[in-house]
Amino acid sequence: MEKKQFAVIGMGRFGLSVASALSGMGFDVLAIDANEQRTQAVSNIVTHAVSADSTDEEALRALGIRNFDVVVVAIGQDIQASILTTLILKDLGGPLIVVKAQNELHGKVLNKIGADKVIYPERDMGLRVAHHLTSPNILDYIELSDEYSIAEMRATSGMLGQNLKELDVRAKFGCNVMAIKRGTKMNISPTADDRLEEGDILIIVGQKNDLTKLELAYAES
């Protein structure tokens, strides 16, 4: 199986972070930015780095952008450039288009013009930090949609020794335990008889309000 090829447009903090992470995972990454200094700075990290104007259709076509599997539009504050780049990518066809949005209105426009996935890095990080501050047992928090999220929760003292049937978070909170992480092992199909031990991490999915109730019910200082 061939490795996926990624193009990341915009080498600000977010774009650089995404490009570096993908490259570190062994994927081929093309980094694109209008600022030549930024592309030079990332050239020793990614597979290729090119200085180009992403709002120029011919420039993107010349780079063979439609041959990539995924294009991440990580353009910073220039919302107009972000939208125009997304429109051009959509017209060219081919790759999955993932776009960073500055706010909800920007995100709505991106969805309307055909972005395959819209992400909100600042908002999502704010959610994660807020959940960690209010409940130290929440190790990670990922928003799936406006209603549903996934929480990574450390098993608290009130959970230890109980199995999932006894814990019964589905009946009590309307949430589902998708997996249990124990050390380096991940149980992705836990049964009702699986008993929780110290150090276990639960991967839980549910509506946001229900997850909050679960967090508060098992909150520990």
N, C-alpha and C. Protein backbone atom coordinates (compact mmCIF):
# COMPACT_ATOMS: atom_id res chain seq x y z
N MET A 1 0.84 -1.19 0.00
CA MET A 1 0.00 0.00 0.00
C MET A 1 0.88 1.26 0.00
N GLU A 2 0.59 2.18 -0.89
CA GLU A 2 1.37 3.41 -0.96
C GLU A 2 1.04 4.32 0.22
N LYS A 3 2.07 5.05 0.66
CA LYS A 3 1.86 6.01 1.74
C LYS A 3 1.01 7.16 1.24
N LYS A 4 0.15 7.68 2.12
CA LYS A 4 -0.63 8.85 1.77
C LYS A 4 0.29 10.05 1.60
N GLN A 5 -0.08 10.91 0.69
CA GLN A 5 0.69 12.14 0.47
C GLN A 5 -0.15 13.34 0.92
N PHE A 6 0.49 14.22 1.69
CA PHE A 6 -0.21 15.37 2.25
C PHE A 6 0.42 16.66 1.73
N ALA A 7 -0.42 17.66 1.52
CA ALA A 7 0.04 19.02 1.25
C ALA A 7 -0.52 19.90 2.36
N VAL A 8 0.32 20.73 2.92
CA VAL A 8 -0.12 21.65 3.97
C VAL A 8 0.13 23.08 3.48
N ILE A 9 -0.93 23.86 3.38
CA ILE A 9 -0.83 25.23 2.88
C ILE A 9 -0.91 26.20 4.04
N GLY A 10 0.15 26.98 4.23
CA GLY A 10 0.20 27.93 5.34
C GLY A 10 1.11 27.42 6.43
N MET A 11 2.28 28.02 6.56
CA MET A 11 3.27 27.55 7.53
C MET A 11 3.34 28.44 8.77
N GLY A 12 2.14 28.83 9.26
CA GLY A 12 2.07 29.48 10.56
C GLY A 12 2.28 28.42 11.63
N ARG A 13 1.99 28.76 12.88
CA ARG A 13 2.22 27.81 13.97
C ARG A 13 1.45 26.51 13.79
N PHE A 14 0.17 26.62 13.40
CA PHE A 14 -0.66 25.42 13.24
C PHE A 14 -0.20 24.59 12.05
N GLY A 15 -0.01 25.24 10.91
CA GLY A 15 0.41 24.53 9.71
C GLY A 15 1.76 23.85 9.89
N LEU A 16 2.68 24.56 10.52
CA LEU A 16 4.01 23.99 10.79
C LEU A 16 3.91 22.78 11.70
N SER A 17 3.05 22.88 12.71
CA SER A 17 2.86 21.76 13.65
C SER A 17 2.30 20.53 12.94
N VAL A 18 1.29 20.75 12.08
CA VAL A 18 0.68 19.63 11.33
C VAL A 18 1.69 19.01 10.38
N ALA A 19 2.40 19.85 9.63
CA ALA A 19 3.39 19.36 8.66
C ALA A 19 4.49 18.58 9.35
N SER A 20 4.98 19.09 10.47
CA SER A 20 6.05 18.42 11.22
C SER A 20 5.59 17.08 11.76
N ALA A 21 4.37 17.05 12.29
CA ALA A 21 3.82 15.81 12.86
C ALA A 21 3.64 14.74 11.78
N LEU A 22 3.08 15.13 10.64
CA LEU A 22 2.87 14.18 9.54
C LEU A 22 4.20 13.65 9.02
N SER A 23 5.17 14.56 8.87
CA SER A 23 6.49 14.15 8.39
C SER A 23 7.15 13.21 9.38
N GLY A 24 7.00 13.50 10.68
CA GLY A 24 7.57 12.65 11.72
C GLY A 24 6.95 11.26 11.74
N MET A 25 5.71 11.14 11.23
CA MET A 25 5.02 9.85 11.16
C MET A 25 5.40 9.08 9.89
N GLY A 26 6.25 9.69 9.07
CA GLY A 26 6.76 8.99 7.89
C GLY A 26 6.02 9.27 6.60
N PHE A 27 5.11 10.25 6.61
CA PHE A 27 4.36 10.56 5.40
C PHE A 27 5.11 11.57 4.54
N ASP A 28 4.83 11.55 3.24
CA ASP A 28 5.36 12.56 2.33
C ASP A 28 4.54 13.83 2.50
N VAL A 29 5.22 14.94 2.74
CA VAL A 29 4.52 16.20 2.99
C VAL A 29 5.09 17.31 2.11
N LEU A 30 4.18 18.00 1.42
CA LEU A 30 4.55 19.20 0.67
C LEU A 30 4.07 20.41 1.47
N ALA A 31 4.99 21.27 1.87
CA ALA A 31 4.65 22.49 2.61
C ALA A 31 4.62 23.66 1.64
N ILE A 32 3.54 24.44 1.72
CA ILE A 32 3.37 25.58 0.81
C ILE A 32 3.09 26.84 1.62
N ASP A 33 3.79 27.92 1.28
CA ASP A 33 3.52 29.20 1.92
C ASP A 33 3.98 30.31 0.96
N ALA A 34 3.27 31.43 1.00
CA ALA A 34 3.65 32.54 0.14
C ALA A 34 4.95 33.20 0.59
N ASN A 35 5.27 33.00 1.88
CA ASN A 35 6.48 33.58 2.45
C ASN A 35 7.66 32.63 2.28
N GLU A 36 8.65 33.05 1.50
CA GLU A 36 9.78 32.17 1.19
C GLU A 36 10.60 31.83 2.44
N GLN A 37 10.69 32.75 3.39
CA GLN A 37 11.44 32.48 4.63
C GLN A 37 10.81 31.33 5.40
N ARG A 38 9.48 31.29 5.41
CA ARG A 38 8.78 30.21 6.13
C ARG A 38 9.02 28.86 5.46
N THR A 39 8.99 28.83 4.14
CA THR A 39 9.21 27.56 3.45
C THR A 39 10.65 27.09 3.62
N GLN A 40 11.59 28.03 3.64
CA GLN A 40 12.99 27.66 3.86
C GLN A 40 13.18 27.09 5.26
N ALA A 41 12.46 27.66 6.22
CA ALA A 41 12.60 27.22 7.61
C ALA A 41 12.10 25.79 7.82
N VAL A 42 11.14 25.37 6.98
CA VAL A 42 10.56 24.03 7.14
C VAL A 42 11.14 23.02 6.15
N SER A 43 12.00 23.48 5.24
CA SER A 43 12.48 22.63 4.14
C SER A 43 13.25 21.40 4.62
N ASN A 44 13.90 21.48 5.79
CA ASN A 44 14.65 20.33 6.29
C ASN A 44 13.79 19.39 7.13
N ILE A 45 12.50 19.71 7.26
CA ILE A 45 11.60 18.88 8.07
C ILE A 45 10.68 18.05 7.18
N VAL A 46 10.17 18.67 6.09
CA VAL A 46 9.20 18.00 5.22
C VAL A 46 9.88 17.47 3.96
N THR A 47 9.11 16.74 3.15
CA THR A 47 9.65 16.17 1.91
C THR A 47 9.98 17.26 0.90
N HIS A 48 9.05 18.19 0.72
CA HIS A 48 9.26 19.32 -0.20
C HIS A 48 8.65 20.56 0.43
N ALA A 49 9.27 21.71 0.18
CA ALA A 49 8.73 22.99 0.64
C ALA A 49 8.80 23.98 -0.53
N VAL A 50 7.67 24.62 -0.81
CA VAL A 50 7.58 25.49 -1.97
C VAL A 50 6.96 26.83 -1.58
N SER A 51 7.53 27.89 -2.10
CA SER A 51 6.94 29.22 -1.92
C SER A 51 5.99 29.47 -3.09
N ALA A 52 4.69 29.62 -2.78
CA ALA A 52 3.70 29.82 -3.84
C ALA A 52 2.47 30.49 -3.26
N ASP A 53 1.74 31.19 -4.13
CA ASP A 53 0.49 31.85 -3.76
C ASP A 53 -0.65 30.85 -3.96
N SER A 54 -1.26 30.43 -2.85
CA SER A 54 -2.30 29.39 -2.94
C SER A 54 -3.60 29.92 -3.54
N THR A 55 -3.71 31.24 -3.71
CA THR A 55 -4.90 31.79 -4.36
C THR A 55 -4.72 31.89 -5.88
N ASP A 56 -3.59 31.38 -6.36
CA ASP A 56 -3.30 31.35 -7.80
C ASP A 56 -3.55 29.93 -8.29
N GLU A 57 -4.62 29.77 -9.03
CA GLU A 57 -5.02 28.43 -9.49
C GLU A 57 -3.93 27.76 -10.31
N GLU A 58 -3.28 28.51 -11.19
CA GLU A 58 -2.25 27.93 -12.04
C GLU A 58 -1.04 27.47 -11.23
N ALA A 59 -0.73 28.21 -10.15
CA ALA A 59 0.39 27.82 -9.28
C ALA A 59 0.10 26.48 -8.61
N LEU A 60 -1.14 26.31 -8.12
CA LEU A 60 -1.51 25.04 -7.47
C LEU A 60 -1.57 23.90 -8.48
N ARG A 61 -2.06 24.21 -9.66
CA ARG A 61 -2.13 23.18 -10.70
C ARG A 61 -0.72 22.72 -11.08
N ALA A 62 0.22 23.68 -11.18
CA ALA A 62 1.60 23.36 -11.54
C ALA A 62 2.27 22.49 -10.49
N LEU A 63 1.83 22.63 -9.23
CA LEU A 63 2.39 21.81 -8.14
C LEU A 63 1.79 20.40 -8.11
N GLY A 64 0.81 20.16 -8.99
CA GLY A 64 0.16 18.85 -9.02
C GLY A 64 -0.64 18.57 -7.78
N ILE A 65 -1.29 19.61 -7.25
CA ILE A 65 -1.98 19.51 -5.97
C ILE A 65 -3.11 18.48 -5.98
N ARG A 66 -3.71 18.27 -7.14
CA ARG A 66 -4.83 17.33 -7.22
C ARG A 66 -4.37 15.87 -7.09
N ASN A 67 -3.06 15.64 -7.16
CA ASN A 67 -2.54 14.28 -7.02
C ASN A 67 -2.29 13.88 -5.56
N PHE A 68 -2.44 14.84 -4.65
CA PHE A 68 -2.25 14.53 -3.23
C PHE A 68 -3.52 13.88 -2.67
N ASP A 69 -3.34 13.12 -1.59
CA ASP A 69 -4.50 12.47 -0.96
C ASP A 69 -5.27 13.45 -0.07
N VAL A 70 -4.53 14.28 0.65
CA VAL A 70 -5.15 15.23 1.58
C VAL A 70 -4.43 16.58 1.47
N VAL A 71 -5.22 17.65 1.42
CA VAL A 71 -4.65 19.00 1.48
C VAL A 71 -5.20 19.69 2.73
N VAL A 72 -4.30 20.16 3.57
CA VAL A 72 -4.69 20.89 4.78
C VAL A 72 -4.47 22.38 4.52
N VAL A 73 -5.55 23.14 4.57
CA VAL A 73 -5.45 24.60 4.40
C VAL A 73 -5.35 25.21 5.79
N ALA A 74 -4.13 25.59 6.15
CA ALA A 74 -3.86 26.07 7.51
C ALA A 74 -3.54 27.56 7.52
N ILE A 75 -4.11 28.28 6.56
CA ILE A 75 -3.85 29.72 6.44
C ILE A 75 -4.34 30.43 7.69
N GLY A 76 -3.53 31.37 8.21
CA GLY A 76 -3.81 32.01 9.49
C GLY A 76 -4.94 33.01 9.47
N GLN A 77 -4.61 34.30 9.57
CA GLN A 77 -5.63 35.33 9.77
C GLN A 77 -6.33 35.76 8.48
N ASP A 78 -5.79 35.43 7.32
CA ASP A 78 -6.35 35.89 6.06
C ASP A 78 -7.51 34.99 5.64
N ILE A 79 -8.71 35.32 6.13
CA ILE A 79 -9.89 34.50 5.87
C ILE A 79 -10.22 34.46 4.38
N GLN A 80 -10.06 35.60 3.70
CA GLN A 80 -10.35 35.66 2.26
C GLN A 80 -9.46 34.68 1.48
N ALA A 81 -8.17 34.63 1.83
CA ALA A 81 -7.25 33.71 1.16
C ALA A 81 -7.61 32.27 1.46
N SER A 82 -8.04 32.01 2.69
CA SER A 82 -8.45 30.67 3.08
C SER A 82 -9.64 30.20 2.25
N ILE A 83 -10.63 31.06 2.10
CA ILE A 83 -11.84 30.72 1.34
C ILE A 83 -11.51 30.55 -0.15
N LEU A 84 -10.73 31.47 -0.69
CA LEU A 84 -10.39 31.40 -2.12
C LEU A 84 -9.56 30.15 -2.42
N THR A 85 -8.62 29.83 -1.54
CA THR A 85 -7.79 28.62 -1.72
C THR A 85 -8.67 27.38 -1.70
N THR A 86 -9.62 27.33 -0.79
CA THR A 86 -10.54 26.18 -0.69
C THR A 86 -11.38 26.05 -1.96
N LEU A 87 -11.87 27.17 -2.47
CA LEU A 87 -12.65 27.16 -3.71
C LEU A 87 -11.84 26.61 -4.88
N ILE A 88 -10.60 27.06 -4.98
CA ILE A 88 -9.73 26.61 -6.07
C ILE A 88 -9.46 25.11 -5.95
N LEU A 89 -9.15 24.66 -4.74
CA LEU A 89 -8.90 23.23 -4.51
C LEU A 89 -10.12 22.40 -4.88
N LYS A 90 -11.30 22.90 -4.53
CA LYS A 90 -12.54 22.18 -4.85
C LYS A 90 -12.73 22.08 -6.35
N ASP A 91 -12.44 23.18 -7.05
CA ASP A 91 -12.59 23.19 -8.51
C ASP A 91 -11.59 22.25 -9.18
N LEU A 92 -10.38 22.19 -8.64
CA LEU A 92 -9.35 21.32 -9.22
C LEU A 92 -9.70 19.84 -9.02
N GLY A 93 -10.40 19.53 -7.94
CA GLY A 93 -10.80 18.15 -7.67
C GLY A 93 -9.65 17.29 -7.20
N GLY A 94 -9.98 16.13 -6.66
CA GLY A 94 -8.94 15.18 -6.25
C GLY A 94 -8.84 14.96 -4.76
N PRO A 95 -8.09 15.81 -4.05
CA PRO A 95 -7.78 15.51 -2.65
C PRO A 95 -8.92 15.80 -1.68
N LEU A 96 -8.80 15.18 -0.51
CA LEU A 96 -9.65 15.51 0.62
C LEU A 96 -9.18 16.87 1.14
N ILE A 97 -10.11 17.79 1.36
CA ILE A 97 -9.74 19.15 1.76
C ILE A 97 -10.11 19.39 3.22
N VAL A 98 -9.10 19.62 4.04
CA VAL A 98 -9.29 19.91 5.47
C VAL A 98 -8.87 21.36 5.69
N VAL A 99 -9.76 22.18 6.28
CA VAL A 99 -9.48 23.61 6.39
C VAL A 99 -9.61 24.09 7.83
N LYS A 100 -8.64 24.89 8.24
CA LYS A 100 -8.68 25.53 9.55
C LYS A 100 -9.60 26.75 9.48
N ALA A 101 -10.56 26.84 10.42
CA ALA A 101 -11.46 27.99 10.48
C ALA A 101 -11.10 28.88 11.66
N GLN A 102 -11.23 30.19 11.46
CA GLN A 102 -10.95 31.14 12.53
C GLN A 102 -12.12 31.26 13.50
N ASN A 103 -13.34 31.12 12.99
CA ASN A 103 -14.53 31.26 13.82
C ASN A 103 -15.69 30.51 13.17
N GLU A 104 -16.86 30.55 13.83
CA GLU A 104 -18.02 29.78 13.36
C GLU A 104 -18.49 30.25 11.98
N LEU A 105 -18.51 31.56 11.76
CA LEU A 105 -18.96 32.08 10.47
C LEU A 105 -18.03 31.64 9.34
N HIS A 106 -16.74 31.74 9.58
CA HIS A 106 -15.74 31.27 8.61
C HIS A 106 -15.99 29.79 8.32
N GLY A 107 -16.23 29.01 9.37
CA GLY A 107 -16.48 27.58 9.22
C GLY A 107 -17.72 27.28 8.39
N LYS A 108 -18.78 28.06 8.59
CA LYS A 108 -20.02 27.87 7.82
C LYS A 108 -19.78 28.11 6.34
N VAL A 109 -19.01 29.16 6.04
CA VAL A 109 -18.70 29.47 4.64
C VAL A 109 -17.89 28.33 4.02
N LEU A 110 -16.90 27.84 4.76
CA LEU A 110 -16.06 26.75 4.26
C LEU A 110 -16.88 25.49 3.98
N ASN A 111 -17.82 25.19 4.88
CA ASN A 111 -18.70 24.04 4.66
C ASN A 111 -19.56 24.23 3.41
N LYS A 112 -20.06 25.46 3.21
CA LYS A 112 -20.93 25.76 2.07
C LYS A 112 -20.19 25.59 0.75
N ILE A 113 -18.91 25.94 0.72
CA ILE A 113 -18.17 25.90 -0.56
C ILE A 113 -17.51 24.54 -0.80
N GLY A 114 -17.72 23.60 0.13
CA GLY A 114 -17.30 22.23 -0.16
C GLY A 114 -16.11 21.68 0.58
N ALA A 115 -15.63 22.35 1.65
CA ALA A 115 -14.54 21.76 2.44
C ALA A 115 -15.01 20.42 2.99
N ASP A 116 -14.17 19.40 2.90
CA ASP A 116 -14.56 18.06 3.39
C ASP A 116 -14.58 18.01 4.91
N LYS A 117 -13.68 18.76 5.53
CA LYS A 117 -13.64 18.80 7.00
C LYS A 117 -13.16 20.18 7.43
N VAL A 118 -13.87 20.76 8.38
CA VAL A 118 -13.49 22.06 8.93
C VAL A 118 -13.06 21.85 10.39
N ILE A 119 -11.90 22.38 10.74
CA ILE A 119 -11.40 22.21 12.10
C ILE A 119 -11.20 23.58 12.76
N TYR A 120 -11.32 23.56 14.08
CA TYR A 120 -11.20 24.78 14.89
C TYR A 120 -10.13 24.55 15.96
N PRO A 121 -8.85 24.64 15.61
CA PRO A 121 -7.79 24.29 16.56
C PRO A 121 -7.82 25.08 17.86
N GLU A 122 -8.02 26.40 17.78
CA GLU A 122 -8.01 27.22 19.00
C GLU A 122 -9.18 26.85 19.89
N ARG A 123 -10.38 26.72 19.30
CA ARG A 123 -11.56 26.38 20.09
C ARG A 123 -11.41 25.00 20.72
N ASP A 124 -10.94 24.03 19.93
CA ASP A 124 -10.79 22.67 20.43
C ASP A 124 -9.77 22.60 21.55
N MET A 125 -8.66 23.32 21.41
CA MET A 125 -7.66 23.33 22.48
C MET A 125 -8.23 24.00 23.73
N GLY A 126 -9.03 25.05 23.54
CA GLY A 126 -9.66 25.70 24.68
C GLY A 126 -10.58 24.74 25.42
N LEU A 127 -11.33 23.93 24.68
CA LEU A 127 -12.21 22.93 25.30
C LEU A 127 -11.41 21.92 26.11
N ARG A 128 -10.31 21.45 25.51
CA ARG A 128 -9.48 20.46 26.20
C ARG A 128 -8.91 21.01 27.50
N VAL A 129 -8.40 22.23 27.42
CA VAL A 129 -7.82 22.85 28.62
C VAL A 129 -8.88 23.06 29.68
N ALA A 130 -10.06 23.55 29.27
CA ALA A 130 -11.13 23.80 30.22
C ALA A 130 -11.56 22.52 30.93
N HIS A 131 -11.70 21.44 30.17
CA HIS A 131 -12.11 20.17 30.78
C HIS A 131 -11.03 19.64 31.71
N HIS A 132 -9.77 19.82 31.35
CA HIS A 132 -8.69 19.34 32.20
C HIS A 132 -8.61 20.16 33.48
N LEU A 133 -8.87 21.46 33.38
CA LEU A 133 -8.81 22.32 34.57
C LEU A 133 -9.95 22.01 35.54
N THR A 134 -11.14 21.76 34.99
CA THR A 134 -12.30 21.51 35.86
C THR A 134 -12.35 20.07 36.35
N SER A 135 -11.73 19.16 35.61
CA SER A 135 -11.70 17.76 36.02
C SER A 135 -10.34 17.17 35.65
N PRO A 136 -9.39 17.16 36.60
CA PRO A 136 -8.04 16.68 36.31
C PRO A 136 -7.98 15.24 35.79
N ASN A 137 -9.07 14.50 35.98
CA ASN A 137 -9.08 13.11 35.51
C ASN A 137 -9.38 13.01 34.01
N ILE A 138 -9.80 14.12 33.40
CA ILE A 138 -10.01 14.14 31.95
C ILE A 138 -8.67 14.42 31.29
N LEU A 139 -8.14 13.41 30.60
CA LEU A 139 -6.82 13.52 29.98
C LEU A 139 -6.89 14.13 28.59
N ASP A 140 -8.02 13.91 27.92
CA ASP A 140 -8.20 14.50 26.59
C ASP A 140 -9.68 14.61 26.31
N TYR A 141 -10.02 15.52 25.41
CA TYR A 141 -11.42 15.78 25.10
C TYR A 141 -11.50 16.19 23.63
N ILE A 142 -12.25 15.43 22.84
CA ILE A 142 -12.34 15.68 21.41
C ILE A 142 -13.79 15.86 21.01
N GLU A 143 -14.06 17.00 20.36
CA GLU A 143 -15.42 17.30 19.92
C GLU A 143 -15.67 16.61 18.59
N LEU A 144 -16.71 15.75 18.53
CA LEU A 144 -17.05 15.04 17.30
C LEU A 144 -18.03 15.85 16.45
N SER A 145 -18.95 16.54 17.13
CA SER A 145 -19.95 17.35 16.44
C SER A 145 -20.46 18.39 17.44
N ASP A 146 -21.51 19.12 17.06
CA ASP A 146 -22.07 20.11 17.98
C ASP A 146 -22.65 19.45 19.23
N GLU A 147 -23.01 18.18 19.13
CA GLU A 147 -23.67 17.50 20.25
C GLU A 147 -22.80 16.46 20.95
N TYR A 148 -21.93 15.78 20.19
CA TYR A 148 -21.21 14.64 20.74
C TYR A 148 -19.71 14.87 20.86
N SER A 149 -19.13 14.26 21.89
CA SER A 149 -17.69 14.34 22.11
C SER A 149 -17.17 13.01 22.64
N ILE A 150 -15.83 12.89 22.60
CA ILE A 150 -15.15 11.74 23.20
C ILE A 150 -14.25 12.26 24.30
N ALA A 151 -14.29 11.60 25.45
CA ALA A 151 -13.43 11.98 26.58
C ALA A 151 -12.53 10.81 26.95
N GLU A 152 -11.26 11.12 27.21
CA GLU A 152 -10.32 10.16 27.77
C GLU A 152 -10.26 10.43 29.26
N MET A 153 -10.74 9.49 30.06
CA MET A 153 -10.90 9.73 31.50
C MET A 153 -10.14 8.69 32.32
N ARG A 154 -9.33 9.17 33.23
CA ARG A 154 -8.63 8.27 34.14
C ARG A 154 -9.62 7.68 35.13
N ALA A 155 -9.56 6.36 35.34
CA ALA A 155 -10.45 5.71 36.30
C ALA A 155 -10.19 6.27 37.70
N THR A 156 -11.23 6.80 38.32
CA THR A 156 -11.10 7.40 39.65
C THR A 156 -11.29 6.35 40.73
N SER A 157 -11.03 6.74 41.97
CA SER A 157 -11.14 5.79 43.09
C SER A 157 -12.57 5.25 43.21
N GLY A 158 -13.56 6.08 42.82
CA GLY A 158 -14.95 5.63 42.88
C GLY A 158 -15.31 4.60 41.84
N MET A 159 -14.43 4.40 40.85
CA MET A 159 -14.67 3.42 39.80
C MET A 159 -13.91 2.12 40.02
N LEU A 160 -12.80 2.20 40.75
CA LEU A 160 -11.91 1.05 40.89
C LEU A 160 -12.61 -0.13 41.54
N GLY A 161 -12.35 -1.32 40.99
CA GLY A 161 -12.93 -2.54 41.53
C GLY A 161 -14.29 -2.87 40.95
N GLN A 162 -14.89 -1.92 40.25
CA GLN A 162 -16.19 -2.18 39.64
C GLN A 162 -16.01 -2.63 38.19
N ASN A 163 -16.94 -3.47 37.73
CA ASN A 163 -16.92 -3.80 36.31
C ASN A 163 -17.84 -2.83 35.58
N LEU A 164 -17.84 -2.91 34.26
CA LEU A 164 -18.61 -1.94 33.48
C LEU A 164 -20.11 -2.08 33.71
N LYS A 165 -20.55 -3.30 34.02
CA LYS A 165 -21.97 -3.50 34.30
C LYS A 165 -22.36 -2.80 35.60
N GLU A 166 -21.50 -2.90 36.59
CA GLU A 166 -21.77 -2.23 37.87
C GLU A 166 -21.67 -0.72 37.75
N LEU A 167 -20.71 -0.28 36.94
CA LEU A 167 -20.53 1.16 36.73
C LEU A 167 -21.72 1.75 35.98
N ASP A 168 -22.15 1.02 34.94
CA ASP A 168 -23.38 1.33 34.19
C ASP A 168 -23.51 2.80 33.79
N VAL A 169 -22.47 3.33 33.14
CA VAL A 169 -22.50 4.74 32.74
C VAL A 169 -23.55 5.00 31.65
N ARG A 170 -23.94 3.95 30.92
CA ARG A 170 -24.95 4.14 29.88
C ARG A 170 -26.30 4.47 30.50
N ALA A 171 -26.69 3.72 31.52
CA ALA A 171 -27.98 3.96 32.16
C ALA A 171 -27.96 5.23 33.01
N LYS A 172 -26.85 5.48 33.70
CA LYS A 172 -26.77 6.62 34.62
C LYS A 172 -26.54 7.95 33.90
N PHE A 173 -25.72 7.90 32.83
CA PHE A 173 -25.32 9.15 32.20
C PHE A 173 -25.58 9.22 30.69
N GLY A 174 -26.03 8.11 30.10
CA GLY A 174 -26.26 8.10 28.66
C GLY A 174 -25.00 8.07 27.83
N CYS A 175 -23.89 7.62 28.46
CA CYS A 175 -22.59 7.56 27.76
C CYS A 175 -22.18 6.11 27.53
N ASN A 176 -21.27 5.90 26.59
CA ASN A 176 -20.78 4.56 26.29
C ASN A 176 -19.27 4.48 26.42
N VAL A 177 -18.79 3.42 27.11
CA VAL A 177 -17.35 3.17 27.20
C VAL A 177 -16.94 2.42 25.95
N MET A 178 -16.18 3.09 25.08
CA MET A 178 -15.76 2.51 23.81
C MET A 178 -14.54 1.61 23.97
N ALA A 179 -13.66 1.96 24.90
CA ALA A 179 -12.41 1.21 25.06
C ALA A 179 -11.84 1.48 26.45
N ILE A 180 -10.94 0.58 26.86
CA ILE A 180 -10.21 0.75 28.12
C ILE A 180 -8.72 0.59 27.82
N LYS A 181 -7.95 1.61 28.18
CA LYS A 181 -6.52 1.58 27.97
C LYS A 181 -5.86 1.18 29.29
N ARG A 182 -5.04 0.13 29.25
CA ARG A 182 -4.35 -0.35 30.45
C ARG A 182 -2.86 -0.49 30.12
N GLY A 183 -2.08 0.44 30.60
CA GLY A 183 -0.66 0.45 30.25
C GLY A 183 -0.50 0.70 28.77
N THR A 184 0.18 -0.21 28.09
CA THR A 184 0.39 -0.07 26.65
C THR A 184 -0.68 -0.81 25.84
N LYS A 185 -1.59 -1.50 26.52
CA LYS A 185 -2.60 -2.29 25.82
C LYS A 185 -3.93 -1.54 25.77
N MET A 186 -4.62 -1.71 24.63
CA MET A 186 -5.92 -1.07 24.42
C MET A 186 -6.98 -2.14 24.18
N ASN A 187 -7.98 -2.20 25.05
CA ASN A 187 -9.11 -3.11 24.88
C ASN A 187 -10.21 -2.35 24.16
N ILE A 188 -10.36 -2.61 22.85
CA ILE A 188 -11.30 -1.83 22.05
C ILE A 188 -12.71 -2.44 22.04
N SER A 189 -12.89 -3.56 22.71
CA SER A 189 -14.24 -4.14 22.80
C SER A 189 -14.47 -4.66 24.23
N PRO A 190 -14.48 -3.74 25.21
CA PRO A 190 -14.66 -4.17 26.60
C PRO A 190 -16.04 -4.80 26.82
N THR A 191 -16.08 -5.79 27.71
CA THR A 191 -17.34 -6.44 28.03
C THR A 191 -17.86 -5.91 29.37
N ALA A 192 -19.09 -6.27 29.67
CA ALA A 192 -19.72 -5.82 30.92
C ALA A 192 -18.98 -6.33 32.15
N ASP A 193 -18.22 -7.44 31.98
CA ASP A 193 -17.53 -8.04 33.12
C ASP A 193 -16.12 -7.48 33.34
N ASP A 194 -15.64 -6.64 32.44
CA ASP A 194 -14.30 -6.06 32.60
C ASP A 194 -14.27 -5.15 33.82
N ARG A 195 -13.35 -5.47 34.75
CA ARG A 195 -13.26 -4.73 36.01
C ARG A 195 -12.14 -3.70 35.94
N LEU A 196 -12.39 -2.53 36.47
CA LEU A 196 -11.44 -1.44 36.38
C LEU A 196 -10.36 -1.52 37.45
N GLU A 197 -9.14 -1.24 37.00
CA GLU A 197 -7.99 -1.26 37.91
C GLU A 197 -7.35 0.12 37.96
N GLU A 198 -6.52 0.34 38.96
CA GLU A 198 -5.84 1.62 39.10
C GLU A 198 -4.95 1.87 37.88
N GLY A 199 -5.01 3.05 37.34
CA GLY A 199 -4.23 3.39 36.16
C GLY A 199 -4.96 3.21 34.85
N ASP A 200 -6.14 2.57 34.89
CA ASP A 200 -6.93 2.39 33.67
C ASP A 200 -7.42 3.73 33.14
N ILE A 201 -7.51 3.82 31.82
CA ILE A 201 -8.04 5.02 31.17
C ILE A 201 -9.24 4.60 30.32
N LEU A 202 -10.37 5.26 30.52
CA LEU A 202 -11.59 4.94 29.79
C LEU A 202 -11.77 5.90 28.62
N ILE A 203 -12.12 5.35 27.46
CA ILE A 203 -12.45 6.17 26.30
C ILE A 203 -13.98 6.16 26.21
N ILE A 204 -14.58 7.33 26.45
CA ILE A 204 -16.03 7.42 26.60
C ILE A 204 -16.62 8.37 25.57
N VAL A 205 -17.71 7.96 24.93
CA VAL A 205 -18.39 8.82 23.96
C VAL A 205 -19.80 9.12 24.47
N GLY A 206 -20.26 10.33 24.21
CA GLY A 206 -21.60 10.70 24.64
C GLY A 206 -21.92 12.13 24.27
N GLN A 207 -23.15 12.53 24.57
CA GLN A 207 -23.51 13.92 24.37
C GLN A 207 -22.73 14.78 25.36
N LYS A 208 -22.44 16.00 24.97
CA LYS A 208 -21.58 16.86 25.79
C LYS A 208 -22.12 17.04 27.20
N ASN A 209 -23.42 17.31 27.32
CA ASN A 209 -24.01 17.51 28.65
C ASN A 209 -23.89 16.26 29.51
N ASP A 210 -24.06 15.10 28.88
CA ASP A 210 -23.97 13.83 29.62
C ASP A 210 -22.54 13.57 30.08
N LEU A 211 -21.56 13.88 29.21
CA LEU A 211 -20.16 13.70 29.58
C LEU A 211 -19.79 14.62 30.75
N THR A 212 -20.32 15.84 30.73
CA THR A 212 -20.06 16.78 31.83
C THR A 212 -20.61 16.25 33.14
N LYS A 213 -21.83 15.68 33.11
CA LYS A 213 -22.42 15.09 34.31
C LYS A 213 -21.56 13.94 34.83
N LEU A 214 -21.05 13.12 33.91
CA LEU A 214 -20.18 12.01 34.29
C LEU A 214 -18.90 12.52 34.93
N GLU A 215 -18.29 13.54 34.31
CA GLU A 215 -17.06 14.12 34.85
C GLU A 215 -17.27 14.62 36.28
N LEU A 216 -18.37 15.36 36.49
CA LEU A 216 -18.65 15.95 37.81
C LEU A 216 -18.96 14.88 38.84
N ALA A 217 -19.64 13.82 38.40
CA ALA A 217 -19.99 12.75 39.34
C ALA A 217 -18.77 12.03 39.88
N TYR A 218 -17.72 11.93 39.07
CA TYR A 218 -16.52 11.21 39.49
C TYR A 218 -15.33 12.14 39.67
N ALA A 219 -15.62 13.43 39.84
CA ALA A 219 -14.54 14.42 40.01
C ALA A 219 -13.75 14.16 41.28
N GLU A 220 -12.45 14.27 41.16
CA GLU A 220 -11.56 14.14 42.30
C GLU A 220 -10.55 15.29 42.26
N SER A 221 -10.16 15.76 43.40
CA SER A 221 -9.18 16.85 43.45
C SER A 221 -7.79 16.30 43.24
